[in-house]
């Protein structure tokens, strides 16, 4: 229906962790580095600020790369989901025919649209909203000369 807000399914953190599998372990690297630095500072052993300050860039890189990969994988969690699912509610559509309505939310689906959504859901949602904000082809519009403000030079 025109003007209706259509919901789209995006994975929450639990779904993202499930689809990422063992790769969530990447977060242990920065947590370990930060934990070692924190413990050495707290107990005042071994590493003082003067000793680890020259290595701050390496420490930041060692922590930033796994965190960046983790967030990239959580963003791509939808593409990791292999079974067909409703793009509106996330319901698993295994065993249902193509071009049917979702039994959970009642919205229509096709396998082609599900595959397109799976490739990049954020782009799909943005494109869908943009297409549905366009005026209709048959919508009336005022035609004829428009009002113009008169310029100071008389034209």
Protein backbone atom coordinates (compact mmCIF):
# COMPACT_ATOMS: atom_id res chain seq x y z
CA UNK A 1 0.00 0.00 0.00
CA UNK A 2 1.30 3.51 -0.77
CA UNK A 3 2.64 5.36 2.25
CA UNK A 4 2.85 2.21 4.37
CA UNK A 5 6.06 1.66 6.34
CA UNK A 6 7.40 -1.75 5.30
CA UNK A 7 9.59 -3.58 7.85
CA UNK A 8 12.72 -5.40 6.72
CA UNK A 9 14.50 -8.13 8.67
CA UNK A 10 18.06 -7.45 9.77
CA UNK A 11 19.89 -9.82 12.13
CA UNK A 12 20.29 -8.86 15.77
CA UNK A 13 23.54 -9.58 17.64
CA UNK A 14 22.53 -13.18 18.45
CA UNK A 15 21.80 -13.97 14.81
CA UNK A 16 25.04 -12.32 13.74
CA UNK A 17 27.06 -14.38 16.23
CA UNK A 18 25.36 -17.58 15.08
CA UNK A 19 26.04 -16.93 11.38
CA UNK A 20 29.65 -15.87 12.04
CA UNK A 21 30.48 -19.20 13.68
CA UNK A 22 33.95 -19.46 15.16
CA UNK A 23 35.11 -16.10 13.72
CA UNK A 24 33.89 -14.16 16.77
CA UNK A 25 37.17 -15.32 18.34
CA UNK A 26 38.84 -12.42 16.48
CA UNK A 27 37.67 -10.18 19.32
CA UNK A 28 39.89 -12.06 21.77
CA UNK A 29 43.03 -10.54 20.19
CA UNK A 30 42.29 -6.89 21.08
CA UNK A 31 40.78 -7.90 24.41
CA UNK A 32 43.96 -9.81 25.27
CA UNK A 33 46.24 -6.92 24.26
CA UNK A 34 44.20 -4.38 26.21
CA UNK A 35 43.98 -6.76 29.17
CA UNK A 36 47.76 -7.26 29.27
CA UNK A 37 48.39 -3.53 29.09
CA UNK A 38 45.80 -2.88 31.78
CA UNK A 39 47.19 -5.53 34.12
CA UNK A 40 50.78 -4.38 33.65
CA UNK A 41 49.75 -0.81 34.40
CA UNK A 42 47.63 -1.80 37.40
CA UNK A 43 50.31 -3.93 39.02
CA UNK A 44 53.16 -1.69 37.89
CA UNK A 45 55.16 -4.57 36.50
CA UNK A 46 57.19 -4.75 33.35
CA UNK A 47 55.53 -2.35 30.97
CA UNK A 48 55.56 1.28 31.92
CA UNK A 49 54.19 3.98 29.65
CA UNK A 50 57.70 4.86 28.50
CA UNK A 51 58.30 1.27 27.34
CA UNK A 52 55.10 0.67 25.36
CA UNK A 53 54.60 4.21 24.03
CA UNK A 54 56.83 3.64 20.94
CA UNK A 55 54.70 0.61 20.04
CA UNK A 56 51.36 2.41 20.29
CA UNK A 57 50.83 2.36 16.50
CA UNK A 58 51.44 -1.38 16.34
CA UNK A 59 49.10 -1.94 19.29
CA UNK A 60 46.38 0.13 17.63
CA UNK A 61 46.75 -1.79 14.35
CA UNK A 62 46.72 -5.16 16.13
CA UNK A 63 43.51 -4.14 17.88
CA UNK A 64 41.81 -2.29 14.99
CA UNK A 65 42.12 -4.96 12.28
CA UNK A 66 40.25 -7.72 14.17
CA UNK A 67 37.58 -5.27 15.38
CA UNK A 68 37.08 -3.98 11.82
CA UNK A 69 36.82 -7.52 10.46
CA UNK A 70 34.32 -8.38 13.19
CA UNK A 71 32.05 -5.46 12.30
CA UNK A 72 32.31 -6.27 8.58
CA UNK A 73 31.26 -9.85 9.30
CA UNK A 74 28.30 -8.74 11.43
CA UNK A 75 27.18 -6.48 8.57
CA UNK A 76 27.45 -9.41 6.13
CA UNK A 77 25.63 -11.86 8.42
CA UNK A 78 22.56 -11.84 6.15
CA UNK A 79 24.60 -13.21 3.25
CA UNK A 80 25.80 -16.06 5.50
CA UNK A 81 22.26 -17.31 5.93
CA UNK A 82 21.82 -20.11 3.36
CA UNK A 83 18.20 -21.20 3.76
CA UNK A 84 15.47 -19.06 2.13
CA UNK A 85 13.92 -16.55 4.54
CA UNK A 86 11.31 -13.82 4.51
CA UNK A 87 13.02 -10.45 3.98
CA UNK A 88 10.35 -8.75 6.10
CA UNK A 89 10.22 -10.90 9.25
CA UNK A 90 13.13 -13.38 8.94
CA UNK A 91 10.89 -16.46 8.95
CA UNK A 92 12.53 -19.54 7.39
CA UNK A 93 10.76 -20.46 4.13
CA UNK A 94 12.32 -23.88 3.61
CA UNK A 95 9.91 -26.19 1.76
CA UNK A 96 7.51 -23.45 0.62
CA UNK A 97 6.91 -22.70 -3.07
CA UNK A 98 8.22 -19.71 -5.00
CA UNK A 99 5.91 -16.69 -5.43
CA UNK A 100 3.88 -17.25 -2.29
CA UNK A 101 3.00 -15.35 0.90
CA UNK A 102 5.00 -15.71 4.10
CA UNK A 103 3.01 -17.70 6.69
CA UNK A 104 4.38 -15.49 9.50
CA UNK A 105 3.78 -11.93 8.25
CA UNK A 106 1.62 -12.49 5.15
CA UNK A 107 3.83 -10.48 2.78
CA UNK A 108 4.59 -11.86 -0.69
CA UNK A 109 8.06 -13.16 -1.56
CA UNK A 110 9.99 -14.65 -4.47
CA UNK A 111 13.31 -16.47 -4.50
CA UNK A 112 14.80 -13.82 -6.81
CA UNK A 113 13.98 -10.98 -4.40
CA UNK A 114 15.37 -13.00 -1.47
CA UNK A 115 18.66 -13.56 -3.35
CA UNK A 116 18.88 -9.87 -4.23
CA UNK A 117 18.24 -8.93 -0.60
CA UNK A 118 20.85 -11.44 0.59
CA UNK A 119 23.59 -9.82 -1.54
CA UNK A 120 23.37 -6.45 0.22
CA UNK A 121 20.36 -5.84 2.48
CA UNK A 122 21.23 -2.23 3.35
CA UNK A 123 21.43 -1.23 -0.30
CA UNK A 124 18.22 -3.17 -1.08
CA UNK A 125 16.29 -1.36 1.68
CA UNK A 126 17.60 2.04 0.61
CA UNK A 127 16.73 1.36 -3.05
CA UNK A 128 13.25 0.07 -2.16
CA UNK A 129 12.46 3.15 -0.06
CA UNK A 130 13.75 5.46 -2.79
CA UNK A 131 11.63 3.74 -5.46
CA UNK A 132 8.51 4.00 -3.34
CA UNK A 133 9.02 7.69 -2.56
CA UNK A 134 8.90 8.62 -6.25
CA UNK A 135 5.66 10.18 -7.52
CA UNK A 136 3.34 7.94 -9.49
CA UNK A 137 3.33 8.17 -13.30
CA UNK A 138 -0.32 9.11 -13.41
CA UNK A 139 -0.27 11.58 -10.52
CA UNK A 140 -1.72 14.97 -11.49
CA UNK A 141 0.55 17.97 -11.35
CA UNK A 142 -0.06 21.67 -11.92
CA UNK A 143 0.91 22.63 -15.45
CA UNK A 144 1.29 26.02 -17.05
CA UNK A 145 3.27 29.10 -16.28
CA UNK A 146 4.67 29.21 -12.80
CA UNK A 147 5.04 32.23 -10.56
CA UNK A 148 8.34 33.99 -10.91
CA UNK A 149 9.67 36.76 -8.84
CA UNK A 150 10.37 39.88 -10.85
CA UNK A 151 14.03 40.75 -11.14
CA UNK A 152 15.30 44.21 -10.41
CA UNK A 153 16.48 44.81 -13.97
CA UNK A 154 12.96 44.35 -15.41
CA UNK A 155 13.34 41.01 -17.16
